[in-house]
Amino acid sequence: MPDVPPSTPTAGRVRDAARTRTEILDVAAREFAERGYAGARVDEIAARTRTTKRMIYYYFGGKEQLYIKVLERAYSRIRETEQTLDVAGLEPAEAIRHLAELTYDHHTANPDFIRLVGIENIDRGEHIAKSEVLANLSTPVIDLIAAILERGRGQGVFRADTDAVDVHMMISAYCVFPVANRHTFTTIFHRDPLDPSRHDHHRRMLGDMVVAYLTGAAGGAEPGDGARTARADGGPAPIGLAEHG
């Protein structure tokens, strides 16, 4: 066998640095998800890792830069997961169903991601707006949805007014709700929206909902026609507020 040169000290330091950065990001993600940006403490993150506060600042520059890196990694992971989906050989309805179900699986399995998103919205997107990485990170999934919708419209199976961002919002809203509202919803309705025994049922619901909207199977009116479901007596349907937990 040919001689294998031993690892150089420099290579070892690079591996150690990468491992340390990953450990810091793992611990920081949990700290920010649990306590929010304002409540998280770099001292606590350092205490829960094999490093020091000084080294955290050396690697990331400061608390805000560390938080932005945590957000970038969290969003990058769902985008990477979406890109693993091979929908080229699927019919449009099945393709969008698979994307919706994959998103549901990811979000319900990663509650810290949903907490981080909620915290950043409480802060009005102050930190995410400072990230050049996140500014362009949504493009691949929107392009993926747009391609599926274009195929569906071309085959005459999707309604003509479909919009990729609308569909992405629809999927995200359903996937975020059971995680973000789990405790209030459970208290009000006495049903845990993340009950494992109902997971497959809920992901099918999401797929059915998205496909029904896109194909018009739900009987949705075209935009601008002013249609509203009428009461049995012929009057206009009442507009009310539903308990949402």
Protein backbone atom coordinates (compact mmCIF):
# COMPACT_ATOMS: atom_id res chain seq x y z
CA MET A 1 0.00 0.00 0.00
CA PRO A 2 1.28 3.51 -0.72
CA ASP A 3 2.36 5.52 2.22
CA VAL A 4 -0.34 7.82 3.54
CA PRO A 5 1.09 11.12 4.73
CA PRO A 6 0.16 11.93 8.30
CA SER A 7 -2.31 14.71 8.95
CA THR A 8 -0.59 18.02 9.27
CA PRO A 9 -1.05 20.15 12.39
CA THR A 10 -2.74 22.76 10.22
CA ALA A 11 -5.32 20.23 8.94
CA GLY A 12 -5.98 19.13 12.50
CA ARG A 13 -6.55 22.69 13.64
CA VAL A 14 -8.95 23.29 10.75
CA ARG A 15 -10.97 20.21 11.73
CA ASP A 16 -10.99 21.24 15.38
CA ALA A 17 -12.09 24.77 14.46
CA ALA A 18 -14.91 23.45 12.26
CA ARG A 19 -16.04 21.08 15.01
CA THR A 20 -15.96 23.87 17.58
CA ARG A 21 -17.98 26.22 15.34
CA THR A 22 -20.58 23.50 14.80
CA GLU A 23 -20.83 22.83 18.52
CA ILE A 24 -21.24 26.54 19.25
CA LEU A 25 -23.97 26.85 16.62
CA ASP A 26 -25.80 23.79 17.99
CA VAL A 27 -25.82 25.16 21.53
CA ALA A 28 -26.56 28.72 20.41
CA ALA A 29 -29.55 27.57 18.36
CA ARG A 30 -31.08 25.99 21.45
CA GLU A 31 -30.26 29.00 23.64
CA PHE A 32 -31.79 31.50 21.20
CA ALA A 33 -34.84 29.26 20.62
CA GLU A 34 -35.42 28.93 24.37
CA ARG A 35 -34.73 32.51 25.45
CA GLY A 36 -35.02 34.68 22.36
CA TYR A 37 -32.35 37.03 21.10
CA ALA A 38 -32.65 39.48 23.98
CA GLY A 39 -32.70 36.81 26.67
CA ALA A 40 -29.90 34.59 25.33
CA ARG A 41 -26.48 34.99 26.94
CA VAL A 42 -23.15 34.34 25.24
CA ASP A 43 -21.73 33.41 28.66
CA GLU A 44 -24.29 30.61 28.92
CA ILE A 45 -23.52 29.39 25.40
CA ALA A 46 -19.82 29.30 26.26
CA ALA A 47 -20.51 27.43 29.50
CA ARG A 48 -22.41 24.74 27.59
CA THR A 49 -19.63 24.26 25.02
CA ARG A 50 -15.97 23.35 25.17
CA THR A 51 -14.89 26.90 24.50
CA THR A 52 -14.89 30.40 25.95
CA LYS A 53 -16.80 33.59 25.37
CA ARG A 54 -13.65 35.09 23.90
CA MET A 55 -13.42 32.28 21.33
CA ILE A 56 -17.08 32.67 20.40
CA TYR A 57 -16.43 36.31 19.63
CA TYR A 58 -13.30 35.29 17.73
CA TYR A 59 -15.24 32.86 15.53
CA PHE A 60 -18.40 34.89 15.01
CA GLY A 61 -17.65 38.52 15.90
CA GLY A 62 -20.39 39.04 18.47
CA LYS A 63 -23.79 37.98 19.75
CA GLU A 64 -25.75 39.41 16.82
CA GLN A 65 -23.42 37.85 14.24
CA LEU A 66 -23.76 34.50 16.02
CA TYR A 67 -27.55 34.81 16.02
CA ILE A 68 -27.59 35.61 12.30
CA LYS A 69 -25.42 32.55 11.61
CA VAL A 70 -27.88 30.43 13.59
CA LEU A 71 -30.75 31.78 11.48
CA GLU A 72 -28.83 31.22 8.25
CA ARG A 73 -28.09 27.62 9.15
CA ALA A 74 -31.68 26.93 10.20
CA TYR A 75 -33.13 28.29 6.95
CA SER A 76 -30.40 26.64 4.86
CA ARG A 77 -31.31 23.22 6.24
CA ILE A 78 -34.93 23.36 5.10
CA ARG A 79 -33.88 24.74 1.71
CA GLU A 80 -31.36 21.88 1.35
CA THR A 81 -34.06 19.38 2.28
CA GLU A 82 -36.38 20.83 -0.37
CA GLN A 83 -33.69 20.52 -3.01
CA THR A 84 -33.36 16.77 -2.37
CA LEU A 85 -36.90 16.29 -3.62
CA ASP A 86 -36.93 14.76 -7.11
CA VAL A 87 -40.28 15.65 -8.67
CA ALA A 88 -39.29 15.53 -12.33
CA GLY A 89 -41.05 12.21 -12.95
CA LEU A 90 -44.18 13.03 -10.95
CA GLU A 91 -47.45 14.45 -12.13
CA PRO A 92 -47.87 18.08 -10.96
CA ALA A 93 -50.44 17.26 -8.27
CA GLU A 94 -48.26 14.53 -6.80
CA ALA A 95 -45.17 16.74 -7.02
CA ILE A 96 -46.72 19.57 -5.02
CA ARG A 97 -48.16 17.07 -2.55
CA HIS A 98 -44.72 15.59 -1.94
CA LEU A 99 -43.22 19.04 -1.38
CA ALA A 100 -45.99 19.96 1.07
CA GLU A 101 -45.63 16.71 3.02
CA LEU A 102 -41.84 17.01 3.13
CA THR A 103 -42.20 20.53 4.55
CA TYR A 104 -44.66 19.30 7.16
CA ASP A 105 -42.29 16.53 8.22
CA HIS A 106 -39.38 18.96 8.53
CA HIS A 107 -41.21 21.64 10.50
CA THR A 108 -42.86 19.28 12.97
CA ALA A 109 -39.54 17.50 13.55
CA ASN A 110 -37.64 20.78 14.10
CA PRO A 111 -39.57 22.88 16.64
CA ASP A 112 -36.52 25.04 17.39
CA PHE A 113 -36.61 26.26 13.79
CA ILE A 114 -40.21 27.40 14.24
CA ARG A 115 -39.34 29.09 17.54
CA LEU A 116 -36.44 30.94 15.90
CA VAL A 117 -38.72 32.14 13.11
CA GLY A 118 -41.30 33.30 15.66
CA ILE A 119 -38.68 35.13 17.70
CA GLU A 120 -37.33 36.88 14.62
CA ASN A 121 -40.86 37.98 13.73
CA ILE A 122 -41.30 39.39 17.24
CA ASP A 123 -38.15 41.39 16.50
CA ARG A 124 -39.76 42.49 13.21
CA GLY A 125 -37.12 40.77 11.09
CA GLU A 126 -34.42 43.11 12.35
CA HIS A 127 -31.61 40.56 12.18
CA ILE A 128 -32.65 38.53 9.16
CA ALA A 129 -32.64 41.73 7.12
CA LYS A 130 -28.91 42.06 7.76
CA SER A 131 -28.08 38.69 6.18
CA GLU A 132 -27.09 38.59 2.52
CA VAL A 133 -27.33 34.80 2.64
CA LEU A 134 -30.98 34.83 3.69
CA ALA A 135 -31.88 37.52 1.17
CA ASN A 136 -31.45 35.01 -1.67
CA LEU A 137 -32.15 31.75 0.10
CA SER A 138 -35.87 31.56 -0.73
CA THR A 139 -35.32 31.66 -4.49
CA PRO A 140 -34.74 27.90 -5.05
CA VAL A 141 -37.98 26.76 -3.38
CA ILE A 142 -40.02 29.42 -5.15
CA ASP A 143 -38.44 28.37 -8.45
CA LEU A 144 -39.27 24.73 -7.65
CA ILE A 145 -42.91 25.53 -6.89
CA ALA A 146 -43.16 27.79 -9.95
CA ALA A 147 -41.91 24.98 -12.21
CA ILE A 148 -44.47 22.54 -10.77
CA LEU A 149 -47.27 25.10 -11.20
CA GLU A 150 -46.21 25.83 -14.77
CA ARG A 151 -46.38 22.13 -15.64
CA GLY A 152 -49.78 21.87 -13.98
CA ARG A 153 -51.15 24.86 -15.87
CA GLY A 154 -49.68 23.54 -19.11
CA GLN A 155 -51.49 20.23 -18.63
CA GLY A 156 -54.70 22.03 -17.76
CA VAL A 157 -54.91 20.48 -14.29
CA PHE A 158 -54.07 23.59 -12.21
CA ARG A 159 -56.07 26.78 -12.13
CA ALA A 160 -54.62 29.60 -14.21
CA ASP A 161 -54.13 32.13 -11.40
CA THR A 162 -51.75 30.02 -9.31
CA ASP A 163 -48.80 31.85 -7.76
CA ALA A 164 -45.68 30.22 -6.31
CA VAL A 165 -45.33 32.56 -3.34
CA ASP A 166 -49.00 32.12 -2.43
CA VAL A 167 -48.62 28.34 -2.49
CA HIS A 168 -45.44 28.52 -0.41
CA MET A 169 -47.26 30.69 2.14
CA MET A 170 -50.19 28.27 2.22
CA ILE A 171 -47.91 25.30 2.91
CA SER A 172 -45.82 27.20 5.47
CA ALA A 173 -48.87 28.45 7.36
CA TYR A 174 -50.20 24.92 7.86
CA CYS A 175 -46.79 23.54 8.83
CA VAL A 176 -45.90 26.31 11.28
CA PHE A 177 -49.23 26.43 13.13
CA PRO A 178 -49.15 23.10 15.02
CA VAL A 179 -45.66 23.83 16.36
CA ALA A 180 -46.06 27.53 17.11
CA ASN A 181 -49.53 27.15 18.67
CA ARG A 182 -49.19 23.71 20.19
CA HIS A 183 -49.67 24.63 23.83
CA THR A 184 -52.52 27.11 23.43
CA PHE A 185 -54.33 24.87 20.94
CA THR A 186 -53.98 21.83 23.21
CA THR A 187 -55.30 23.78 26.19
CA ILE A 188 -58.30 25.16 24.30
CA PHE A 189 -59.29 22.13 22.23
CA HIS A 190 -57.82 19.32 24.35
CA ARG A 191 -56.06 17.86 21.34
CA ASP A 192 -52.32 17.97 20.77
CA PRO A 193 -51.75 19.05 17.13
CA LEU A 194 -48.40 17.22 17.24
CA ASP A 195 -49.83 13.95 18.53
CA PRO A 196 -47.68 11.34 16.70
CA SER A 197 -50.71 9.14 16.10
CA ARG A 198 -52.25 11.90 13.96
CA HIS A 199 -49.10 12.91 12.08
CA ASP A 200 -49.87 10.99 8.88
CA HIS A 201 -53.47 12.20 8.96
CA HIS A 202 -52.40 15.84 9.20
CA ARG A 203 -49.82 15.60 6.44
CA ARG A 204 -52.45 14.04 4.17
CA MET A 205 -54.81 16.88 5.06
CA LEU A 206 -52.18 19.37 3.96
CA GLY A 207 -51.59 17.58 0.67
CA ASP A 208 -55.33 17.35 0.01
CA MET A 209 -55.82 21.03 0.81
CA VAL A 210 -53.07 22.26 -1.51
CA VAL A 211 -54.06 19.98 -4.39
CA ALA A 212 -57.75 20.90 -3.98
CA TYR A 213 -56.90 24.60 -4.16
CA LEU A 214 -54.69 24.22 -7.22
CA THR A 215 -57.08 21.99 -9.14
CA GLY A 216 -60.23 23.90 -8.18
CA ALA A 217 -61.62 20.77 -6.53
CA ALA A 218 -62.55 22.86 -3.50
CA GLY A 219 -64.84 24.98 -5.64
CA GLY A 220 -62.81 28.15 -5.11
CA ALA A 221 -63.94 31.21 -7.05
CA GLU A 222 -61.63 32.89 -9.53
CA PRO A 223 -60.07 36.13 -8.23
CA GLY A 224 -62.09 39.25 -8.76
CA ASP A 225 -65.50 37.67 -9.27
CA GLY A 226 -66.73 38.81 -5.87
CA ALA A 227 -68.31 35.46 -5.16
CA ARG A 228 -69.12 34.55 -1.58
CA THR A 229 -70.82 31.42 -0.33
CA ALA A 230 -74.48 32.18 0.39
CA ARG A 231 -76.59 31.02 3.32
CA ALA A 232 -79.32 28.48 2.72
CA ASP A 233 -81.89 31.31 2.92
CA GLY A 234 -80.18 33.17 0.09
CA GLY A 235 -78.50 35.82 2.23
CA PRO A 236 -74.77 36.53 2.28
CA ALA A 237 -72.58 34.26 4.35
CA PRO A 238 -71.71 35.76 7.75
CA ILE A 239 -68.11 36.75 8.34
CA GLY A 240 -66.95 35.80 11.79
CA LEU A 241 -63.85 35.07 13.83
CA ALA A 242 -62.94 31.47 14.52
CA GLU A 243 -61.23 30.31 17.66
CA HIS A 244 -57.70 29.56 16.50
CA GLY A 245 -55.79 28.71 19.65
